[in-house]
Amino acid sequence: MKDEHLYIVTYDISDPKRWRAVFKLMKGYGDWLQLSVFQCRMNARRHADLTASLDQIIHHREDHVLLMDLGPADAVDPRVISLGKAFEAVQRETIII
């Protein structure tokens, strides 16, 4: 879709219970890259849904979440140096329900 952007989402959650809740939520939005780091391909609505959900889970004085917009998903060519495991940018997939 033309309106999707590629995001890197990273978080530092101080409480293990909230960390697990954020991790579980993030698994529904993108691909897990590393501990507390996901890459997500989202349109504006999914981005807003994710942001609202995260806002309800985290404690604003103790936790920190960064959502980095890398730009239009079909046009962005992330330049990533990956040591160890291979890095693959998330691709658009058709889901039939």
PDB file of N, CA and C in Angstrom:
ATOM      1  N   MET A   1       0.845  -1.187   0.000  1.00  0.00           N
ATOM      2  CA  MET A   1       0.000   0.000   0.000  1.00  0.00           C
ATOM      3  C   MET A   1       0.885   1.243   0.000  1.00  0.00           C
ATOM      4  N   LYS A   2       0.450   2.229  -0.703  1.00  0.00           N
ATOM      5  CA  LYS A   2       1.240   3.446  -0.831  1.00  0.00           C
ATOM      6  C   LYS A   2       1.297   4.260   0.454  1.00  0.00           C
ATOM      7  N   ASP A   3       0.298   4.117   1.300  1.00  0.00           N
ATOM      8  CA  ASP A   3       0.252   4.942   2.508  1.00  0.00           C
ATOM      9  C   ASP A   3       0.941   4.306   3.705  1.00  0.00           C
ATOM     10  N   GLU A   4       1.623   3.191   3.526  1.00  0.00           N
ATOM     11  CA  GLU A   4       2.328   2.551   4.636  1.00  0.00           C
ATOM     12  C   GLU A   4       3.735   3.126   4.784  1.00  0.00           C
ATOM     13  N   HIS A   5       4.156   3.270   6.034  1.00  0.00           N
ATOM     14  CA  HIS A   5       5.513   3.702   6.343  1.00  0.00           C
ATOM     15  C   HIS A   5       6.212   2.586   7.109  1.00  0.00           C
ATOM     16  N   LEU A   6       7.521   2.585   7.031  1.00  0.00           N
ATOM     17  CA  LEU A   6       8.325   1.632   7.782  1.00  0.00           C
ATOM     18  C   LEU A   6       8.786   2.318   9.059  1.00  0.00           C
ATOM     19  N   TYR A   7       8.562   1.663  10.200  1.00  0.00           N
ATOM     20  CA  TYR A   7       8.919   2.213  11.503  1.00  0.00           C
ATOM     21  C   TYR A   7       9.866   1.264  12.224  1.00  0.00           C
ATOM     22  N   ILE A   8      10.766   1.841  12.986  1.00  0.00           N
ATOM     23  CA  ILE A   8      11.532   1.092  13.978  1.00  0.00           C
ATOM     24  C   ILE A   8      10.960   1.527  15.322  1.00  0.00           C
ATOM     25  N   VAL A   9      10.536   0.548  16.109  1.00  0.00           N
ATOM     26  CA  VAL A   9       9.967   0.830  17.428  1.00  0.00           C
ATOM     27  C   VAL A   9      10.880   0.185  18.461  1.00  0.00           C
ATOM     28  N   THR A  10      11.316   0.984  19.401  1.00  0.00           N
ATOM     29  CA  THR A  10      12.180   0.500  20.470  1.00  0.00           C
ATOM     30  C   THR A  10      11.640   1.010  21.793  1.00  0.00           C
ATOM     31  N   TYR A  11      11.836   0.223  22.832  1.00  0.00           N
ATOM     32  CA  TYR A  11      11.248   0.605  24.115  1.00  0.00           C
ATOM     33  C   TYR A  11      12.112   0.159  25.274  1.00  0.00           C
ATOM     34  N   ASP A  12      12.009   0.929  26.350  1.00  0.00           N
ATOM     35  CA  ASP A  12      12.679   0.639  27.616  1.00  0.00           C
ATOM     36  C   ASP A  12      11.595   0.696  28.685  1.00  0.00           C
ATOM     37  N   ILE A  13      11.170  -0.471  29.126  1.00  0.00           N
ATOM     38  CA  ILE A  13      10.068  -0.585  30.081  1.00  0.00           C
ATOM     39  C   ILE A  13      10.636  -1.091  31.404  1.00  0.00           C
ATOM     40  N   SER A  14      10.370  -0.369  32.483  1.00  0.00           N
ATOM     41  CA  SER A  14      11.025  -0.672  33.758  1.00  0.00           C
ATOM     42  C   SER A  14      10.419  -1.853  34.518  1.00  0.00           C
ATOM     43  N   ASP A  15       9.189  -2.199  34.243  1.00  0.00           N
ATOM     44  CA  ASP A  15       8.516  -3.278  34.964  1.00  0.00           C
ATOM     45  C   ASP A  15       8.379  -4.502  34.059  1.00  0.00           C
ATOM     46  N   PRO A  16       8.817  -5.686  34.505  1.00  0.00           N
ATOM     47  CA  PRO A  16       8.746  -6.894  33.656  1.00  0.00           C
ATOM     48  C   PRO A  16       7.331  -7.224  33.169  1.00  0.00           C
ATOM     49  N   LYS A  17       6.320  -6.996  33.986  1.00  0.00           N
ATOM     50  CA  LYS A  17       4.947  -7.287  33.570  1.00  0.00           C
ATOM     51  C   LYS A  17       4.520  -6.360  32.431  1.00  0.00           C
ATOM     52  N   ARG A  18       4.826  -5.074  32.546  1.00  0.00           N
ATOM     53  CA  ARG A  18       4.496  -4.131  31.469  1.00  0.00           C
ATOM     54  C   ARG A  18       5.351  -4.419  30.235  1.00  0.00           C
ATOM     55  N   TRP A  19       6.623  -4.812  30.437  1.00  0.00           N
ATOM     56  CA  TRP A  19       7.488  -5.142  29.298  1.00  0.00           C
ATOM     57  C   TRP A  19       6.872  -6.288  28.499  1.00  0.00           C
ATOM     58  N   ARG A  20       6.388  -7.334  29.180  1.00  0.00           N
ATOM     59  CA  ARG A  20       5.765  -8.464  28.482  1.00  0.00           C
ATOM     60  C   ARG A  20       4.496  -8.026  27.746  1.00  0.00           C
ATOM     61  N   ALA A  21       3.733  -7.128  28.343  1.00  0.00           N
ATOM     62  CA  ALA A  21       2.516  -6.634  27.686  1.00  0.00           C
ATOM     63  C   ALA A  21       2.865  -5.859  26.418  1.00  0.00           C
ATOM     64  N   VAL A  22       3.900  -5.027  26.484  1.00  0.00           N
ATOM     65  CA  VAL A  22       4.329  -4.276  25.305  1.00  0.00           C
ATOM     66  C   VAL A  22       4.876  -5.226  24.243  1.00  0.00           C
ATOM     67  N   PHE A  23       5.690  -6.193  24.641  1.00  0.00           N
ATOM     68  CA  PHE A  23       6.245  -7.171  23.701  1.00  0.00           C
ATOM     69  C   PHE A  23       5.125  -7.930  22.992  1.00  0.00           C
ATOM     70  N   LYS A  24       4.136  -8.383  23.747  1.00  0.00           N
ATOM     71  CA  LYS A  24       3.012  -9.124  23.163  1.00  0.00           C
ATOM     72  C   LYS A  24       2.246  -8.240  22.175  1.00  0.00           C
ATOM     73  N   LEU A  25       2.012  -6.992  22.546  1.00  0.00           N
ATOM     74  CA  LEU A  25       1.335  -6.061  21.648  1.00  0.00           C
ATOM     75  C   LEU A  25       2.142  -5.858  20.369  1.00  0.00           C
ATOM     76  N   MET A  26       3.431  -5.639  20.514  1.00  0.00           N
ATOM     77  CA  MET A  26       4.284  -5.359  19.354  1.00  0.00           C
ATOM     78  C   MET A  26       4.333  -6.528  18.373  1.00  0.00           C
ATOM     79  N   LYS A  27       4.248  -7.758  18.875  1.00  0.00           N
ATOM     80  CA  LYS A  27       4.277  -8.925  17.991  1.00  0.00           C
ATOM     81  C   LYS A  27       3.107  -8.904  17.009  1.00  0.00           C
ATOM     82  N   GLY A  28       2.034  -8.205  17.350  1.00  0.00           N
ATOM     83  CA  GLY A  28       0.896  -8.072  16.447  1.00  0.00           C
ATOM     84  C   GLY A  28       1.040  -6.959  15.431  1.00  0.00           C
ATOM     85  N   TYR A  29       2.099  -6.171  15.549  1.00  0.00           N
ATOM     86  CA  TYR A  29       2.275  -5.024  14.663  1.00  0.00           C
ATOM     87  C   TYR A  29       3.510  -5.111  13.765  1.00  0.00           C
ATOM     88  N   GLY A  30       4.464  -5.957  14.108  1.00  0.00           N
ATOM     89  CA  GLY A  30       5.669  -5.975  13.298  1.00  0.00           C
ATOM     90  C   GLY A  30       6.543  -7.172  13.568  1.00  0.00           C
ATOM     91  N   ASP A  31       7.754  -7.092  13.043  1.00  0.00           N
ATOM     92  CA  ASP A  31       8.724  -8.173  13.182  1.00  0.00           C
ATOM     93  C   ASP A  31       9.724  -7.840  14.271  1.00  0.00           C
ATOM     94  N   TRP A  32       9.967  -8.795  15.133  1.00  0.00           N
ATOM     95  CA  TRP A  32      10.905  -8.646  16.235  1.00  0.00           C
ATOM     96  C   TRP A  32      12.323  -8.711  15.683  1.00  0.00           C
ATOM     97  N   LEU A  33      13.111  -7.678  15.971  1.00  0.00           N
ATOM     98  CA  LEU A  33      14.500  -7.644  15.524  1.00  0.00           C
ATOM     99  C   LEU A  33      15.447  -8.058  16.634  1.00  0.00           C
ATOM    100  N   GLN A  34      15.277  -7.456  17.787  1.00  0.00           N
ATOM    101  CA  GLN A  34      16.111  -7.720  18.954  1.00  0.00           C
ATOM    102  C   GLN A  34      15.282  -7.439  20.192  1.00  0.00           C
ATOM    103  N   LEU A  35      15.847  -7.732  21.347  1.00  0.00           N
ATOM    104  CA  LEU A  35      15.156  -7.448  22.591  1.00  0.00           C
ATOM    105  C   LEU A  35      14.705  -5.982  22.587  1.00  0.00           C
ATOM    106  N   SER A  36      13.415  -5.769  22.688  1.00  0.00           N
ATOM    107  CA  SER A  36      12.812  -4.430  22.752  1.00  0.00           C
ATOM    108  C   SER A  36      12.961  -3.615  21.479  1.00  0.00           C
ATOM    109  N   VAL A  37      13.141  -4.268  20.334  1.00  0.00           N
ATOM    110  CA  VAL A  37      13.234  -3.563  19.049  1.00  0.00           C
ATOM    111  C   VAL A  37      12.408  -4.316  18.000  1.00  0.00           C
ATOM    112  N   PHE A  38      11.505  -3.591  17.337  1.00  0.00           N
ATOM    113  CA  PHE A  38      10.667  -4.148  16.281  1.00  0.00           C
ATOM    114  C   PHE A  38      10.744  -3.260  15.047  1.00  0.00           C
ATOM    115  N   GLN A  39      10.538  -3.861  13.873  1.00  0.00           N
ATOM    116  CA  GLN A  39      10.301  -3.076  12.670  1.00  0.00           C
ATOM    117  C   GLN A  39       8.858  -3.335  12.254  1.00  0.00           C
ATOM    118  N   CYS A  40       8.171  -2.268  11.910  1.00  0.00           N
ATOM    119  CA  CYS A  40       6.740  -2.350  11.609  1.00  0.00           C
ATOM    120  C   CYS A  40       6.433  -1.611  10.318  1.00  0.00           C
ATOM    121  N   ARG A  41       5.578  -2.200   9.530  1.00  0.00           N
ATOM    122  CA  ARG A  41       5.075  -1.568   8.306  1.00  0.00           C
ATOM    123  C   ARG A  41       3.620  -1.239   8.585  1.00  0.00           C
ATOM    124  N   MET A  42       3.303   0.071   8.691  1.00  0.00           N
ATOM    125  CA  MET A  42       1.962   0.475   9.123  1.00  0.00           C
ATOM    126  C   MET A  42       1.445   1.672   8.345  1.00  0.00           C
ATOM    127  N   ASN A  43       0.116   1.685   8.166  1.00  0.00           N
ATOM    128  CA  ASN A  43      -0.522   2.885   7.644  1.00  0.00           C
ATOM    129  C   ASN A  43      -0.832   3.802   8.836  1.00  0.00           C
ATOM    130  N   ALA A  44      -1.396   4.964   8.560  1.00  0.00           N
ATOM    131  CA  ALA A  44      -1.642   5.958   9.614  1.00  0.00           C
ATOM    132  C   ALA A  44      -2.600   5.427  10.682  1.00  0.00           C
ATOM    133  N   ARG A  45      -3.601   4.667  10.274  1.00  0.00           N
ATOM    134  CA  ARG A  45      -4.576   4.147  11.250  1.00  0.00           C
ATOM    135  C   ARG A  45      -3.925   3.145  12.202  1.00  0.00           C
ATOM    136  N   ARG A  46      -3.138   2.195  11.665  1.00  0.00           N
ATOM    137  CA  ARG A  46      -2.478   1.207  12.527  1.00  0.00           C
ATOM    138  C   ARG A  46      -1.460   1.886  13.438  1.00  0.00           C
ATOM    139  N   HIS A  47      -0.786   2.910  12.918  1.00  0.00           N
ATOM    140  CA  HIS A  47       0.160   3.676  13.733  1.00  0.00           C
ATOM    141  C   HIS A  47      -0.569   4.333  14.900  1.00  0.00           C
ATOM    142  N   ALA A  48      -1.718   4.932  14.618  1.00  0.00           N
ATOM    143  CA  ALA A  48      -2.508   5.575  15.674  1.00  0.00           C
ATOM    144  C   ALA A  48      -3.013   4.539  16.684  1.00  0.00           C
ATOM    145  N   ASP A  49      -3.455   3.374  16.201  1.00  0.00           N
ATOM    146  CA  ASP A  49      -3.914   2.312  17.104  1.00  0.00           C
ATOM    147  C   ASP A  49      -2.784   1.836  18.007  1.00  0.00           C
ATOM    148  N   LEU A  50      -1.609   1.626  17.416  1.00  0.00           N
ATOM    149  CA  LEU A  50      -0.459   1.177  18.201  1.00  0.00           C
ATOM    150  C   LEU A  50      -0.078   2.215  19.247  1.00  0.00           C
ATOM    151  N   THR A  51      -0.008   3.464  18.836  1.00  0.00           N
ATOM    152  CA  THR A  51       0.360   4.536  19.755  1.00  0.00           C
ATOM    153  C   THR A  51      -0.627   4.633  20.920  1.00  0.00           C
ATOM    154  N   ALA A  52      -1.912   4.539  20.625  1.00  0.00           N
ATOM    155  CA  ALA A  52      -2.931   4.599  21.680  1.00  0.00           C
ATOM    156  C   ALA A  52      -2.812   3.402  22.621  1.00  0.00           C
ATOM    157  N   SER A  53      -2.567   2.222  22.071  1.00  0.00           N
ATOM    158  CA  SER A  53      -2.433   1.025  22.910  1.00  0.00           C
ATOM    159  C   SER A  53      -1.203   1.116  23.803  1.00  0.00           C
ATOM    160  N   LEU A  54      -0.085   1.555  23.234  1.00  0.00           N
ATOM    161  CA  LEU A  54       1.130   1.710  24.028  1.00  0.00           C
ATOM    162  C   LEU A  54       0.933   2.748  25.128  1.00  0.00           C
ATOM    163  N   ASP A  55       0.245   3.820  24.791  1.00  0.00           N
ATOM    164  CA  ASP A  55       0.002   4.898  25.745  1.00  0.00           C
ATOM    165  C   ASP A  55      -0.765   4.399  26.969  1.00  0.00           C
ATOM    166  N   GLN A  56      -1.630   3.410  26.780  1.00  0.00           N
ATOM    167  CA  GLN A  56      -2.404   2.864  27.889  1.00  0.00           C
ATOM    168  C   GLN A  56      -1.610   1.875  28.729  1.00  0.00           C
ATOM    169  N   ILE A  57      -0.587   1.243  28.149  1.00  0.00           N
ATOM    170  CA  ILE A  57       0.189   0.228  28.872  1.00  0.00           C
ATOM    171  C   ILE A  57       1.310   0.840  29.700  1.00  0.00           C
ATOM    172  N   ILE A  58       2.032   1.790  29.117  1.00  0.00           N
ATOM    173  CA  ILE A  58       3.255   2.270  29.767  1.00  0.00           C
ATOM    174  C   ILE A  58       2.947   3.236  30.917  1.00  0.00           C
ATOM    175  N   HIS A  59       3.923   3.374  31.799  1.00  0.00           N
ATOM    176  CA  HIS A  59       3.897   4.402  32.844  1.00  0.00           C
ATOM    177  C   HIS A  59       4.825   5.518  32.357  1.00  0.00           C
ATOM    178  N   HIS A  60       4.264   6.672  32.130  1.00  0.00           N
ATOM    179  CA  HIS A  60       4.980   7.757  31.460  1.00  0.00           C
ATOM    180  C   HIS A  60       6.187   8.284  32.232  1.00  0.00           C
ATOM    181  N   ARG A  61       6.214   8.151  33.519  1.00  0.00           N
ATOM    182  CA  ARG A  61       7.357   8.625  34.312  1.00  0.00           C
ATOM    183  C   ARG A  61       8.478   7.591  34.398  1.00  0.00           C
ATOM    184  N   GLU A  62       8.167   6.324  34.084  1.00  0.00           N
ATOM    185  CA  GLU A  62       9.143   5.248  34.254  1.00  0.00           C
ATOM    186  C   GLU A  62       9.596   4.613  32.937  1.00  0.00           C
ATOM    187  N   ASP A  63       8.756   4.645  31.912  1.00  0.00           N
ATOM    188  CA  ASP A  63       9.006   3.921  30.675  1.00  0.00           C
ATOM    189  C   ASP A  63       9.272   4.883  29.515  1.00  0.00           C
ATOM    190  N   HIS A  64       9.835   4.318  28.425  1.00  0.00           N
ATOM    191  CA  HIS A  64      10.151   5.133  27.258  1.00  0.00           C
ATOM    192  C   HIS A  64       9.959   4.301  26.005  1.00  0.00           C
ATOM    193  N   VAL A  65       9.211   4.837  25.033  1.00  0.00           N
ATOM    194  CA  VAL A  65       8.990   4.174  23.751  1.00  0.00           C
ATOM    195  C   VAL A  65       9.343   5.160  22.649  1.00  0.00           C
ATOM    196  N   LEU A  66      10.112   4.693  21.665  1.00  0.00           N
ATOM    197  CA  LEU A  66      10.445   5.504  20.491  1.00  0.00           C
ATOM    198  C   LEU A  66       9.863   4.835  19.254  1.00  0.00           C
ATOM    199  N   LEU A  67       9.159   5.601  18.423  1.00  0.00           N
ATOM    200  CA  LEU A  67       8.661   5.138  17.136  1.00  0.00           C
ATOM    201  C   LEU A  67       9.347   5.987  16.075  1.00  0.00           C
ATOM    202  N   MET A  68      10.256   5.388  15.327  1.00  0.00           N
ATOM    203  CA  MET A  68      11.030   6.118  14.328  1.00  0.00           C
ATOM    204  C   MET A  68      10.482   5.842  12.939  1.00  0.00           C
ATOM    205  N   ASP A  69       9.981   6.880  12.268  1.00  0.00           N
ATOM    206  CA  ASP A  69       9.409   6.767  10.934  1.00  0.00           C
ATOM    207  C   ASP A  69      10.539   6.846   9.915  1.00  0.00           C
ATOM    208  N   LEU A  70      10.770   5.740   9.192  1.00  0.00           N
ATOM    209  CA  LEU A  70      11.827   5.704   8.183  1.00  0.00           C
ATOM    210  C   LEU A  70      11.347   6.171   6.821  1.00  0.00           C
ATOM    211  N   GLY A  71      10.044   6.405   6.684  1.00  0.00           N
ATOM    212  CA  GLY A  71       9.504   6.892   5.423  1.00  0.00           C
ATOM    213  C   GLY A  71       8.599   5.877   4.757  1.00  0.00           C
ATOM    214  N   PRO A  72       8.125   6.209   3.535  1.00  0.00           N
ATOM    215  CA  PRO A  72       7.225   5.311   2.810  1.00  0.00           C
ATOM    216  C   PRO A  72       7.835   3.913   2.660  1.00  0.00           C
ATOM    217  N   ALA A  73       7.073   2.900   3.062  1.00  0.00           N
ATOM    218  CA  ALA A  73       7.595   1.536   3.122  1.00  0.00           C
ATOM    219  C   ALA A  73       8.064   1.009   1.768  1.00  0.00           C
ATOM    220  N   ASP A  74       7.370   1.356   0.694  1.00  0.00           N
ATOM    221  CA  ASP A  74       7.763   0.848  -0.622  1.00  0.00           C
ATOM    222  C   ASP A  74       8.966   1.577  -1.195  1.00  0.00           C
ATOM    223  N   ALA A  75       9.289   2.745  -0.664  1.00  0.00           N
ATOM    224  CA  ALA A  75      10.389   3.537  -1.208  1.00  0.00           C
ATOM    225  C   ALA A  75      11.642   3.495  -0.345  1.00  0.00           C
ATOM    226  N   VAL A  76      11.482   3.157   0.932  1.00  0.00           N
ATOM    227  CA  VAL A  76      12.626   3.192   1.834  1.00  0.00           C
ATOM    228  C   VAL A  76      13.533   1.998   1.572  1.00  0.00           C
ATOM    229  N   ASP A  77      14.810   2.271   1.573  1.00  0.00           N
ATOM    230  CA  ASP A  77      15.820   1.226   1.420  1.00  0.00           C
ATOM    231  C   ASP A  77      16.747   1.347   2.617  1.00  0.00           C
ATOM    232  N   PRO A  78      16.380   0.670   3.726  1.00  0.00           N
ATOM    233  CA  PRO A  78      17.180   0.856   4.935  1.00  0.00           C
ATOM    234  C   PRO A  78      18.614   0.379   4.738  1.00  0.00           C
ATOM    235  N   ARG A  79      19.549   1.233   5.081  1.00  0.00           N
ATOM    236  CA  ARG A  79      20.970   0.874   5.040  1.00  0.00           C
ATOM    237  C   ARG A  79      21.341   0.420   6.439  1.00  0.00           C
ATOM    238  N   VAL A  80      21.462  -0.870   6.591  1.00  0.00           N
ATOM    239  CA  VAL A  80      21.676  -1.467   7.904  1.00  0.00           C
ATOM    240  C   VAL A  80      22.942  -2.303   7.865  1.00  0.00           C
ATOM    241  N   ILE A  81      23.773  -2.114   8.851  1.00  0.00           N
ATOM    242  CA  ILE A  81      24.917  -3.001   9.037  1.00  0.00           C
ATOM    243  C   ILE A  81      24.499  -3.997  10.095  1.00  0.00           C
ATOM    244  N   SER A  82      24.482  -5.264   9.733  1.00  0.00           N
ATOM    245  CA  SER A  82      24.028  -6.313  10.636  1.00  0.00           C
ATOM    246  C   SER A  82      25.186  -7.258  10.916  1.00  0.00           C
ATOM    247  N   LEU A  83      25.567  -7.347  12.166  1.00  0.00           N
ATOM    248  CA  LEU A  83      26.591  -8.296  12.586  1.00  0.00           C
ATOM    249  C   LEU A  83      25.890  -9.471  13.238  1.00  0.00           C
ATOM    250  N   GLY A  84      26.259 -10.667  12.882  1.00  0.00           N
ATOM    251  CA  GLY A  84      25.579 -11.842  13.429  1.00  0.00           C
ATOM    252  C   GLY A  84      24.423 -12.228  12.535  1.00  0.00           C
ATOM    253  N   LYS A  85      23.228 -12.279  13.084  1.00  0.00           N
ATOM    254  CA  LYS A  85      22.051 -12.687  12.323  1.00  0.00           C
ATOM    255  C   LYS A  85      21.788 -11.729  11.169  1.00  0.00           C
ATOM    256  N   ALA A  86      21.243 -12.268  10.100  1.00  0.00           N
ATOM    257  CA  ALA A  86      20.929 -11.456   8.918  1.00  0.00           C
ATOM    258  C   ALA A  86      19.743 -10.545   9.196  1.00  0.00           C
ATOM    259  N   PHE A  87      19.746  -9.368   8.594  1.00  0.00           N
ATOM    260  CA  PHE A  87      18.649  -8.413   8.697  1.00  0.00           C
ATOM    261  C   PHE A  87      17.878  -8.416   7.391  1.00  0.00           C
ATOM    262  N   GLU A  88      16.557  -8.474   7.481  1.00  0.00           N
ATOM    263  CA  GLU A  88      15.696  -8.366   6.316  1.00  0.00           C
ATOM    264  C   GLU A  88      14.607  -7.358   6.620  1.00  0.00           C
ATOM    265  N   ALA A  89      14.437  -6.365   5.738  1.00  0.00           N
ATOM    266  CA  ALA A  89      13.376  -5.383   5.921  1.00  0.00           C
ATOM    267  C   ALA A  89      12.034  -6.076   5.758  1.00  0.00           C
ATOM    268  N   VAL A  90      11.075  -5.691   6.568  1.00  0.00           N
ATOM    269  CA  VAL A  90       9.743  -6.295   6.525  1.00  0.00           C
ATOM    270  C   VAL A  90       9.098  -5.984   5.179  1.00  0.00           C
ATOM    271  N   GLN A  91       8.494  -6.992   4.586  1.00  0.00           N
ATOM    272  CA  GLN A  91       7.843  -6.864   3.287  1.00  0.00           C
ATOM    273  C   GLN A  91       6.335  -6.893   3.450  1.00  0.00           C
ATOM    274  N   ARG A  92       5.629  -6.330   2.491  1.00  0.00           N
ATOM    275  CA  ARG A  92       4.168  -6.349   2.493  1.00  0.00           C
ATOM    276  C   ARG A  92       3.706  -7.762   2.201  1.00  0.00           C
ATOM    277  N   GLU A  93       2.768  -8.264   3.003  1.00  0.00           N
ATOM    278  CA  GLU A  93       2.210  -9.585   2.801  1.00  0.00           C
ATOM    279  C   GLU A  93       0.704  -9.496   2.732  1.00  0.00           C
ATOM    280  N   THR A  94       0.120 -10.251   1.833  1.00  0.00           N
ATOM    281  CA  THR A  94      -1.329 -10.321   1.732  1.00  0.00           C
ATOM    282  C   THR A  94      -1.844 -11.294   2.770  1.00  0.00           C
ATOM    283  N   ILE A  95      -2.869 -10.871   3.505  1.00  0.00           N
ATOM    284  CA  ILE A  95      -3.489 -11.715   4.519  1.00  0.00           C
ATOM    285  C   ILE A  95      -4.945 -11.918   4.122  1.00  0.00           C
ATOM    286  N   ILE A  96      -5.332 -13.173   3.977  1.00  0.00           N
ATOM    287  CA  ILE A  96      -6.715 -13.488   3.617  1.00  0.00           C
ATOM    288  C   ILE A  96      -7.408 -14.031   4.856  1.00  0.00           C
ATOM    289  N   ILE A  97      -8.533 -13.407   5.184  1.00  0.00           N
ATOM    290  CA  ILE A  97      -9.273 -13.819   6.384  1.00  0.00           C
ATOM    291  C   ILE A  97     -10.550 -14.510   5.979  1.00  0.00           C
TER     292      ILE A  97
END
